[in-house]
Amino acid sequence: MKITITDGTQISNEAANELRKHADMIECQCPNKLLDILDVVRDFTRYTEDCIEKYPEDRDTHKWLKSSAINIDQLLSTTLVHLARYEGFIDENNNIVDRQND
């Protein structure tokens, strides 16, 4: 599977799930911890979307919070891909390394 990401974009949920499956290729839990944080950020982003509708008087605040959460998502996504590449479970083309060949 190829994980498509460039700086300033968000990793897809499918790609994040694939990274989680391969995160055990290294001993530490850093990839899983980052993926857990990403899940929380995405949950918060969905929550702010609901707040935009529920609390129109605070619409601008919630739009700002949603935008900030998206920025955090993009930073985490880029960090995850770079970490995965650095640790060798994705290659320089962002393809998951075949575990059969390890």
Protein backbone atom coordinates (compact mmCIF):
# COMPACT_ATOMS: atom_id res chain seq x y z
CA MET A 1 0.00 0.00 0.00
CA LYS A 2 1.25 3.47 -0.83
CA ILE A 3 0.76 6.21 1.75
CA THR A 4 0.32 9.48 -0.07
CA ILE A 5 1.26 12.56 1.89
CA THR A 6 3.19 15.75 1.40
CA ASP A 7 3.95 18.50 3.87
CA GLY A 8 0.83 20.48 4.70
CA THR A 9 -1.65 17.68 4.00
CA GLN A 10 -3.46 15.12 6.10
CA ILE A 11 -2.83 11.40 6.03
CA SER A 12 -5.97 9.41 5.19
CA ASN A 13 -7.65 7.32 7.88
CA GLU A 14 -6.89 4.24 5.76
CA ALA A 15 -3.18 5.10 5.64
CA ALA A 16 -3.12 5.83 9.39
CA ASN A 17 -4.67 2.42 10.05
CA GLU A 18 -2.07 0.79 7.81
CA LEU A 19 0.74 2.57 9.67
CA ARG A 20 -0.73 1.37 12.96
CA LYS A 21 -0.60 -2.22 11.69
CA HIS A 22 3.09 -1.86 10.90
CA ALA A 23 4.14 0.25 13.89
CA ASP A 24 5.28 -2.84 15.77
CA MET A 25 8.26 -3.04 13.40
CA ILE A 26 10.09 -0.84 15.93
CA GLU A 27 10.36 -1.47 19.64
CA CYS A 28 9.12 1.86 21.01
CA GLN A 29 5.51 2.99 20.98
CA CYS A 30 6.12 6.44 19.45
CA PRO A 31 4.23 5.73 16.20
CA ASN A 32 1.23 4.38 18.13
CA LYS A 33 1.28 7.34 20.54
CA LEU A 34 1.31 9.77 17.61
CA LEU A 35 -1.53 7.86 15.94
CA ASP A 36 -3.51 8.02 19.20
CA ILE A 37 -2.99 11.79 19.32
CA LEU A 38 -4.10 12.00 15.68
CA ASP A 39 -7.32 10.14 16.58
CA VAL A 40 -8.02 12.63 19.38
CA VAL A 41 -7.35 15.62 17.10
CA ARG A 42 -9.70 14.22 14.47
CA ASP A 43 -12.37 13.59 17.08
CA PHE A 44 -11.99 17.19 18.23
CA THR A 45 -12.27 18.42 14.64
CA ARG A 46 -15.59 16.57 14.25
CA TYR A 47 -16.74 17.95 17.59
CA THR A 48 -16.04 21.54 16.51
CA GLU A 49 -18.06 20.94 13.34
CA ASP A 50 -21.05 20.07 15.52
CA CYS A 51 -20.44 23.16 17.66
CA ILE A 52 -20.51 25.39 14.58
CA GLU A 53 -24.07 24.22 13.95
CA LYS A 54 -25.24 24.03 17.58
CA TYR A 55 -23.86 27.37 18.75
CA PRO A 56 -24.21 29.91 15.95
CA GLU A 57 -23.31 32.77 18.30
CA ASP A 58 -19.86 31.17 18.71
CA ARG A 59 -19.48 30.19 15.07
CA ASP A 60 -16.29 32.20 14.49
CA THR A 61 -14.60 30.73 17.56
CA HIS A 62 -15.45 27.18 16.53
CA LYS A 63 -14.34 27.76 12.94
CA TRP A 64 -11.01 29.01 14.29
CA LEU A 65 -10.72 25.97 16.59
CA LYS A 66 -11.51 23.64 13.68
CA SER A 67 -8.89 25.34 11.51
CA SER A 68 -6.32 25.01 14.29
CA ALA A 69 -7.15 21.31 14.71
CA ILE A 70 -6.69 20.76 10.97
CA ASN A 71 -3.27 22.42 11.18
CA ILE A 72 -2.32 20.07 14.03
CA ASP A 73 -3.58 17.11 11.98
CA GLN A 74 -1.38 18.16 9.07
CA LEU A 75 1.68 18.47 11.31
CA LEU A 76 1.03 15.08 12.92
CA SER A 77 0.45 13.47 9.52
CA THR A 78 3.73 14.76 8.17
CA THR A 79 5.55 13.75 11.36
CA LEU A 80 4.14 10.22 11.19
CA VAL A 81 5.22 9.70 7.61
CA HIS A 82 8.70 11.04 8.25
CA LEU A 83 9.05 8.85 11.35
CA ALA A 84 7.83 5.80 9.45
CA ARG A 85 10.31 6.53 6.68
CA TYR A 86 13.13 7.15 9.16
CA GLU A 87 12.39 3.89 10.99
CA GLY A 88 12.18 1.96 7.73
CA PHE A 89 8.61 0.77 7.64
CA ILE A 90 7.82 2.89 4.62
CA ASP A 91 10.25 3.53 1.80
CA GLU A 92 11.27 6.82 0.20
CA ASN A 93 8.21 6.57 -2.09
CA ASN A 94 5.92 6.16 0.95
CA ASN A 95 5.19 2.49 0.24
CA ILE A 96 4.76 0.18 3.21
CA VAL A 97 7.80 -2.09 3.39
CA ASP A 98 6.88 -5.71 2.71
CA ARG A 99 7.28 -7.53 6.01
CA GLN A 100 7.79 -10.82 4.18
CA ASN A 101 11.22 -9.58 3.08
CA ASP A 102 12.43 -8.64 6.57
